[in-house]
Protein backbone atom coordinates (compact mmCIF):
# COMPACT_ATOMS: atom_id res chain seq x y z
CA UNK A 1 85.53 -55.18 -32.71
CA UNK A 2 84.50 -58.64 -33.84
CA UNK A 3 86.19 -59.48 -37.14
CA UNK A 4 84.67 -61.70 -39.79
CA UNK A 5 86.36 -65.09 -40.08
CA UNK A 6 86.98 -64.49 -43.77
CA UNK A 7 89.35 -61.60 -42.98
CA UNK A 8 91.10 -62.89 -39.84
CA UNK A 9 94.10 -64.27 -41.74
CA UNK A 10 94.43 -61.05 -43.77
CA UNK A 11 94.37 -59.02 -40.54
CA UNK A 12 97.28 -61.08 -39.20
CA UNK A 13 99.29 -60.52 -42.36
CA UNK A 14 98.53 -56.79 -42.31
CA UNK A 15 99.62 -56.49 -38.68
CA UNK A 16 102.92 -58.29 -39.32
CA UNK A 17 103.80 -56.49 -42.54
CA UNK A 18 102.72 -53.04 -41.35
CA UNK A 19 104.84 -53.28 -38.19
CA UNK A 20 107.95 -53.79 -40.30
CA UNK A 21 107.13 -51.35 -43.08
CA UNK A 22 105.94 -48.56 -40.79
CA UNK A 23 109.23 -48.57 -38.91
CA UNK A 24 111.06 -47.99 -42.17
CA UNK A 25 108.62 -45.32 -43.29
CA UNK A 26 108.96 -43.40 -40.02
CA UNK A 27 112.74 -43.56 -40.13
CA UNK A 28 112.85 -42.40 -43.73
CA UNK A 29 110.47 -39.55 -42.99
CA UNK A 30 112.59 -37.94 -40.28
CA UNK A 31 113.89 -34.65 -41.61
CA UNK A 32 112.75 -35.46 -45.11
CA UNK A 33 111.84 -32.79 -47.63
CA UNK A 34 109.80 -33.19 -50.77
CA UNK A 35 110.04 -32.46 -54.45
CA UNK A 36 107.22 -30.85 -56.35
CA UNK A 37 106.28 -32.79 -59.42
CA UNK A 38 104.73 -31.65 -62.65
CA UNK A 39 101.00 -32.15 -62.66
CA UNK A 40 100.65 -32.26 -58.86
CA UNK A 41 98.18 -29.91 -57.14
CA UNK A 42 100.09 -26.81 -56.01
CA UNK A 43 99.62 -24.33 -53.18
CA UNK A 44 101.63 -21.28 -52.16
CA UNK A 45 104.30 -21.79 -49.50
CA UNK A 46 105.88 -19.35 -47.03
CA UNK A 47 107.86 -19.50 -43.77
CA UNK A 48 105.90 -20.37 -40.60
CA UNK A 49 102.93 -21.22 -42.79
CA UNK A 50 100.76 -24.32 -42.84
CA UNK A 51 100.69 -24.21 -46.62
CA UNK A 52 103.85 -26.26 -46.91
CA UNK A 53 102.06 -28.93 -44.88
CA UNK A 54 99.26 -28.96 -47.44
CA UNK A 55 101.74 -29.07 -50.32
CA UNK A 56 103.56 -32.02 -48.83
CA UNK A 57 100.30 -33.80 -48.07
CA UNK A 58 99.15 -33.51 -51.67
CA UNK A 59 102.52 -34.35 -53.21
CA UNK A 60 103.15 -37.38 -51.01
CA UNK A 61 99.63 -38.76 -51.38
CA UNK A 62 99.86 -38.34 -55.15
CA UNK A 63 102.85 -40.72 -55.10
CA UNK A 64 100.59 -43.43 -53.69
CA UNK A 65 97.24 -42.74 -55.35
CA UNK A 66 95.74 -41.02 -58.38
CA UNK A 67 94.16 -37.87 -56.94
CA UNK A 68 91.08 -36.51 -58.69
CA UNK A 69 89.29 -33.28 -57.69
CA UNK A 70 86.16 -34.20 -55.74
CA UNK A 71 82.70 -32.76 -56.51
CA UNK A 72 83.08 -30.46 -53.49
CA UNK A 73 86.21 -28.85 -54.94
CA UNK A 74 84.41 -26.65 -57.46
CA UNK A 75 81.57 -25.92 -55.05
CA UNK A 76 83.80 -24.55 -52.29
CA UNK A 77 86.95 -23.32 -54.07
CA UNK A 78 85.53 -19.81 -54.45
CA UNK A 79 84.59 -19.36 -50.78
CA UNK A 80 85.54 -15.82 -49.67
CA UNK A 81 85.89 -14.36 -46.16
CA UNK A 82 83.91 -11.34 -45.01
CA UNK A 83 87.05 -9.24 -44.43
CA UNK A 84 90.00 -8.35 -46.65
CA UNK A 85 92.67 -9.47 -44.18
CA UNK A 86 91.96 -13.20 -44.31
CA UNK A 87 92.73 -15.82 -46.95
CA UNK A 88 90.82 -19.10 -47.03
CA UNK A 89 91.80 -22.04 -49.23
CA UNK A 90 89.67 -25.18 -49.59
CA UNK A 91 90.93 -28.20 -51.54
CA UNK A 92 89.35 -31.63 -51.91
CA UNK A 93 90.22 -34.82 -53.82
CA UNK A 94 89.25 -38.46 -54.11
CA UNK A 95 91.34 -41.51 -55.00
CA UNK A 96 91.13 -45.30 -54.89
CA UNK A 97 90.81 -46.26 -51.19
CA UNK A 98 90.37 -42.56 -50.26
CA UNK A 99 86.74 -41.45 -50.12
CA UNK A 100 87.83 -37.88 -49.45
CA UNK A 101 91.04 -35.92 -48.97
CA UNK A 102 90.23 -32.36 -48.01
CA UNK A 103 92.11 -29.39 -46.67
CA UNK A 104 90.96 -26.09 -45.18
CA UNK A 105 93.67 -23.52 -44.53
CA UNK A 106 93.23 -20.00 -43.18
CA UNK A 107 95.70 -17.14 -42.95
CA UNK A 108 94.53 -13.99 -41.22
CA UNK A 109 95.74 -10.91 -39.42
CA UNK A 110 97.68 -10.90 -36.13
CA UNK A 111 99.28 -14.26 -36.85
CA UNK A 112 96.05 -16.22 -37.25
CA UNK A 113 96.63 -19.51 -39.05
CA UNK A 114 94.49 -22.62 -39.24
CA UNK A 115 94.93 -25.99 -40.92
CA UNK A 116 92.31 -28.73 -41.01
CA UNK A 117 93.65 -31.57 -43.20
CA UNK A 118 92.01 -34.99 -43.27
CA UNK A 119 91.76 -38.20 -45.30
CA UNK A 120 88.75 -40.49 -45.02
CA UNK A 121 88.90 -44.06 -46.35
CA UNK A 122 86.30 -45.71 -48.53
CA UNK A 123 83.85 -47.84 -46.47
CA UNK A 124 85.39 -50.97 -47.99
CA UNK A 125 88.43 -50.31 -45.78
CA UNK A 126 88.52 -50.02 -41.99
CA UNK A 127 91.58 -47.75 -42.13
CA UNK A 128 92.01 -45.00 -39.53
CA UNK A 129 91.17 -41.42 -40.51
CA UNK A 130 94.15 -39.12 -40.99
CA UNK A 131 93.48 -35.98 -38.93
CA UNK A 132 95.57 -32.80 -38.64
CA UNK A 133 93.95 -29.86 -36.83
CA UNK A 134 96.32 -26.94 -36.17
CA UNK A 135 95.38 -23.52 -34.80
CA UNK A 136 97.78 -20.60 -34.36
CA UNK A 137 96.94 -17.16 -32.98
CA UNK A 138 99.63 -14.68 -31.90
CA UNK A 139 101.96 -16.77 -29.70
CA UNK A 140 99.62 -19.71 -29.07
CA UNK A 141 99.52 -22.98 -31.00
CA UNK A 142 96.91 -25.70 -30.42
CA UNK A 143 97.53 -29.00 -32.20
CA UNK A 144 95.77 -32.31 -32.74
CA UNK A 145 97.50 -34.79 -35.05
CA UNK A 146 96.37 -38.40 -35.18
CA UNK A 147 95.36 -41.42 -37.15
CA UNK A 148 91.85 -41.37 -35.69
CA UNK A 149 90.62 -44.94 -35.21
CA UNK A 150 87.49 -46.00 -37.04
CA UNK A 151 86.65 -48.14 -34.00
CA UNK A 152 87.20 -47.21 -30.34
CA UNK A 153 90.64 -48.65 -29.48
CA UNK A 154 89.76 -48.84 -25.78
CA UNK A 155 86.99 -51.33 -26.58
CA UNK A 156 88.45 -53.02 -29.67
CA UNK A 157 91.91 -54.39 -28.86
CA UNK A 158 92.31 -56.27 -32.15
CA UNK A 159 91.81 -53.07 -34.10
CA UNK A 160 94.27 -51.22 -31.86
CA UNK A 161 96.93 -53.91 -32.19
CA UNK A 162 96.48 -54.21 -35.95
CA UNK A 163 96.91 -50.54 -36.75
CA UNK A 164 98.85 -48.99 -33.86
CA UNK A 165 101.20 -51.60 -32.39
CA UNK A 166 103.81 -50.94 -35.08
CA UNK A 167 103.36 -47.18 -34.73
CA UNK A 168 104.03 -46.87 -31.00
CA UNK A 169 107.75 -45.91 -31.44
CA UNK A 170 106.65 -43.06 -33.71
CA UNK A 171 104.02 -41.95 -31.22
CA UNK A 172 106.45 -42.10 -28.28
CA UNK A 173 108.99 -39.99 -30.17
CA UNK A 174 106.55 -37.14 -30.66
CA UNK A 175 104.94 -37.54 -27.24
CA UNK A 176 108.29 -36.36 -25.86
CA UNK A 177 108.80 -33.56 -28.38
CA UNK A 178 105.16 -32.39 -28.24
CA UNK A 179 103.88 -33.06 -24.68
CA UNK A 180 100.24 -33.64 -23.73
CA UNK A 181 98.29 -30.40 -23.98
CA UNK A 182 96.00 -30.61 -20.95
CA UNK A 183 92.50 -31.83 -20.19
CA UNK A 184 90.71 -33.81 -22.91
CA UNK A 185 87.06 -34.83 -22.50
CA UNK A 186 86.14 -38.46 -22.02
CA UNK A 187 83.77 -38.40 -24.99
CA UNK A 188 86.54 -37.14 -27.32
CA UNK A 189 88.90 -39.89 -26.21
CA UNK A 190 86.97 -42.60 -28.07
CA UNK A 191 87.91 -40.89 -31.35
CA UNK A 192 91.65 -40.78 -30.64
CA UNK A 193 94.41 -43.37 -30.86
CA UNK A 194 97.33 -44.18 -28.51
CA UNK A 195 99.64 -42.17 -30.80
CA UNK A 196 97.57 -38.98 -30.80
CA UNK A 197 99.47 -35.71 -30.54
CA UNK A 198 97.40 -33.26 -28.48
CA UNK A 199 99.58 -30.33 -27.51
CA UNK A 200 99.96 -26.59 -27.00
CA UNK A 201 103.13 -24.54 -27.44
CA UNK A 202 104.45 -21.06 -28.03
CA UNK A 203 105.33 -19.97 -31.55
CA UNK A 204 108.90 -20.49 -32.74
CA UNK A 205 110.64 -21.71 -35.88
CA UNK A 206 111.95 -24.74 -33.97
CA UNK A 207 108.52 -25.89 -32.81
CA UNK A 208 107.05 -25.24 -36.24
CA UNK A 209 109.77 -27.51 -37.70
CA UNK A 210 109.05 -30.21 -35.10
CA UNK A 211 105.35 -30.08 -35.96
CA UNK A 212 106.12 -30.28 -39.67
CA UNK A 213 108.31 -33.34 -39.06
CA UNK A 214 105.48 -34.97 -37.12
CA UNK A 215 102.99 -34.19 -39.88
CA UNK A 216 105.32 -35.72 -42.48
CA UNK A 217 105.92 -38.86 -40.43
CA UNK A 218 102.27 -39.42 -39.55
CA UNK A 219 101.13 -38.84 -43.12
CA UNK A 220 103.70 -41.31 -44.46
CA UNK A 221 102.63 -43.84 -41.84
CA UNK A 222 98.97 -43.48 -42.88
CA UNK A 223 99.89 -43.93 -46.54
CA UNK A 224 101.72 -47.17 -45.73
CA UNK A 225 98.58 -48.41 -43.98
CA UNK A 226 96.57 -47.39 -47.02
CA UNK A 227 98.91 -49.24 -49.38
CA UNK A 228 98.59 -52.37 -47.23
CA UNK A 229 94.83 -52.01 -46.83
CA UNK A 230 92.81 -55.05 -47.88
CA UNK A 231 89.49 -54.38 -49.58
CA UNK A 232 86.60 -55.79 -47.54
CA UNK A 233 84.11 -57.97 -49.43
CA UNK A 234 81.86 -58.94 -46.52
CA UNK A 235 78.82 -56.67 -46.85
CA UNK A 236 78.21 -56.69 -43.09
CA UNK A 237 81.73 -55.38 -42.45
CA UNK A 238 81.33 -52.67 -45.10
CA UNK A 239 78.07 -51.59 -43.48
CA UNK A 240 79.80 -51.51 -40.07
CA UNK A 241 82.68 -49.44 -41.48
CA UNK A 242 80.27 -47.00 -43.10
CA UNK A 243 78.32 -46.53 -39.87
CA UNK A 244 81.52 -46.12 -37.83
CA UNK A 245 82.71 -43.38 -40.18
CA UNK A 246 79.27 -41.74 -40.16
CA UNK A 247 79.28 -41.75 -36.36
CA UNK A 248 82.69 -40.04 -36.43
CA UNK A 249 81.51 -37.44 -38.94
CA UNK A 250 78.34 -36.79 -36.95
CA UNK A 251 80.33 -36.14 -33.77
CA UNK A 252 82.84 -33.88 -35.52
CA UNK A 253 80.20 -31.88 -37.40
CA UNK A 254 78.28 -31.19 -34.19
CA UNK A 255 81.23 -30.52 -31.87
CA UNK A 256 83.79 -29.00 -34.24
CA UNK A 257 85.67 -26.34 -32.22
CA UNK A 258 86.49 -24.39 -35.39
CA UNK A 259 82.86 -23.61 -36.17
CA UNK A 260 82.82 -20.34 -34.19
CA UNK A 261 85.87 -19.05 -36.06
CA UNK A 262 84.32 -19.97 -39.40
CA UNK A 263 81.09 -18.22 -38.43
CA UNK A 264 83.04 -15.05 -37.71
CA UNK A 265 85.02 -15.25 -40.96
CA UNK A 266 82.34 -16.29 -43.49
CA UNK A 267 79.02 -15.90 -41.68
CA UNK A 268 76.77 -18.41 -39.93
CA UNK A 269 75.03 -19.78 -43.03
CA UNK A 270 78.24 -20.44 -44.96
CA UNK A 271 79.97 -21.81 -41.86
CA UNK A 272 77.28 -24.47 -41.42
CA UNK A 273 77.53 -25.41 -45.10
CA UNK A 274 81.34 -25.71 -44.93
CA UNK A 275 81.22 -27.87 -41.79
CA UNK A 276 78.62 -30.34 -43.07
CA UNK A 277 79.27 -30.17 -46.81
CA UNK A 278 83.06 -29.87 -46.91
CA UNK A 279 84.93 -30.60 -43.68
CA UNK A 280 82.72 -33.55 -42.78
CA UNK A 281 81.27 -34.38 -46.15
CA UNK A 282 79.41 -37.67 -45.80
CA UNK A 283 77.52 -36.76 -42.64
CA UNK A 284 74.40 -36.31 -44.80
CA UNK A 285 75.05 -39.23 -47.19
CA UNK A 286 76.81 -42.13 -45.43
CA UNK A 287 73.97 -42.70 -42.97
CA UNK A 288 70.66 -41.40 -41.69
CA UNK A 289 71.24 -41.48 -37.93
CA UNK A 290 71.32 -38.15 -36.10
CA UNK A 291 73.73 -36.92 -33.46
CA UNK A 292 71.23 -37.82 -30.72
CA UNK A 293 70.80 -41.31 -32.17
CA UNK A 294 74.51 -41.91 -31.65
CA UNK A 295 74.92 -39.84 -28.48
CA UNK A 296 71.55 -39.84 -26.63
CA UNK A 297 73.22 -38.60 -23.44
CA UNK A 298 73.35 -35.14 -25.05
CA UNK A 299 69.57 -34.89 -25.42
CA UNK A 300 67.94 -32.02 -23.51
CA UNK A 301 64.40 -32.28 -22.18
CA UNK A 302 63.06 -30.25 -25.10
CA UNK A 303 64.78 -32.59 -27.59
CA UNK A 304 67.65 -30.35 -28.67
CA UNK A 305 71.38 -31.13 -28.43
CA UNK A 306 73.10 -30.04 -25.23
CA UNK A 307 75.95 -27.70 -26.16
CA UNK A 308 78.19 -28.82 -23.29
CA UNK A 309 81.49 -30.32 -24.43
CA UNK A 310 81.22 -33.21 -21.98
CA UNK A 311 78.28 -34.95 -20.35
CA UNK A 312 80.18 -37.60 -18.38
CA UNK A 313 82.28 -34.94 -16.65
CA UNK A 314 85.53 -36.88 -16.97
CA UNK A 315 88.67 -35.40 -18.50
CA UNK A 316 92.23 -36.54 -19.01
CA UNK A 317 94.97 -34.16 -17.89
CA UNK A 318 97.74 -36.62 -18.80
CA UNK A 319 98.22 -39.11 -21.64
CA UNK A 320 95.79 -41.96 -20.89
CA UNK A 321 97.87 -44.64 -22.67
CA UNK A 322 101.16 -46.14 -21.51
CA UNK A 323 104.26 -46.72 -23.64
CA UNK A 324 102.80 -49.98 -24.95
CA UNK A 325 99.63 -48.25 -26.09
CA UNK A 326 97.55 -49.77 -23.30
CA UNK A 327 94.75 -47.65 -21.84
CA UNK A 328 95.54 -46.57 -18.26
CA UNK A 329 93.18 -43.61 -17.77
CA UNK A 330 94.33 -40.65 -15.69
CA UNK A 331 97.67 -41.06 -13.96
CA UNK A 332 95.98 -40.30 -10.64
CA UNK A 333 92.99 -42.63 -11.13
C-alpha cells in the first residue's frame, strides 16, 4: 500500500510504540478475568458458552471508548428463530474510531453454539478489522480469530509491518495452542493476517478456556491499536480506506459460511437481511461497487455470481506465513 507522505512519520511512530505496548497488553491479558461495571451492556453468561466472550468484549471495549447503541440495535434486537429450541442475540454499538461493533450469538439444541463478533473502524482509520467467528456443534469446533487486515498483507508490506510485526509473538503462542485447521482457499487468504487463528478441535473445557484466552488477548491487542490509531486527514486515503472496507464487506456478505445456518433458523428473507443489514452493515452504504466489480473472476456466463468457494483452485493446508510473518505459501510449494 502506498502511504501518503503526510502520514509516513506518524506510521513510523505507530509501529514503534505499538510494538512495545502490544507486548505488554498481551502479557497482561494472559489468564485475565474481567469485572462487570455499572452501566455496561450486559449479557447472560454460562459455562462452555460464548456469551462470556461477548460480555468481555463489551466490557473491555467500554474501558477504551464510549459505546452507544447503533441504529441497527433496535431494528434487529427482536429477531426470533423459527423454533423454540434456539436463542439468538444480536447486539450492535458505535464509538469514536469504531464505525460498528456488532455481535451475533446463537445457542441451540444438541450443543449448537455460534459467535460472530466484529469491530469495524471508521474510514478515517486504516485499522484492521477485529474478527471472531466461532462455530460449535456436538463435539466439533470451527474457529477463525483474527485482526483482519484492511489491505492485503501479502501485497502491502508496510501495512503488515506496521500492524502485525509487534503482534507476531502473540500469534505464534496461539498457533501452537490452536494449530492450523486445514485447507483455506487462496481467495480467503487476502483477508487474513499472519496472526490468524484458523483451527478445529474437539469440545472440552480446556480448549474452551484456551480459546477464551486467545479472544481476550486478541481483543486487547486490537484495542491498543485503536488507542494508538491516528486519524487520517488526507481525503484520498480516507476514500481508499472506505473502499477497502467495502470490498471486505462485499466479500463477506456474499461468501459468509453462516448464511445457510441463518436461513434454517430464521428463514431465507430474514437471513439475507441480517447478513447485509447487520453482520456486514455498510455493504450497501460505504460504496456502490458490486461483488462482481471487485471479484470479476466469479462471473458466470449469464452474469450471476459463481457459488464456488474458490476460482483459482489453490488452497493452503498449512500456515502460509513463517515465524517472522513472512508469506511462504504452502510448505510443499
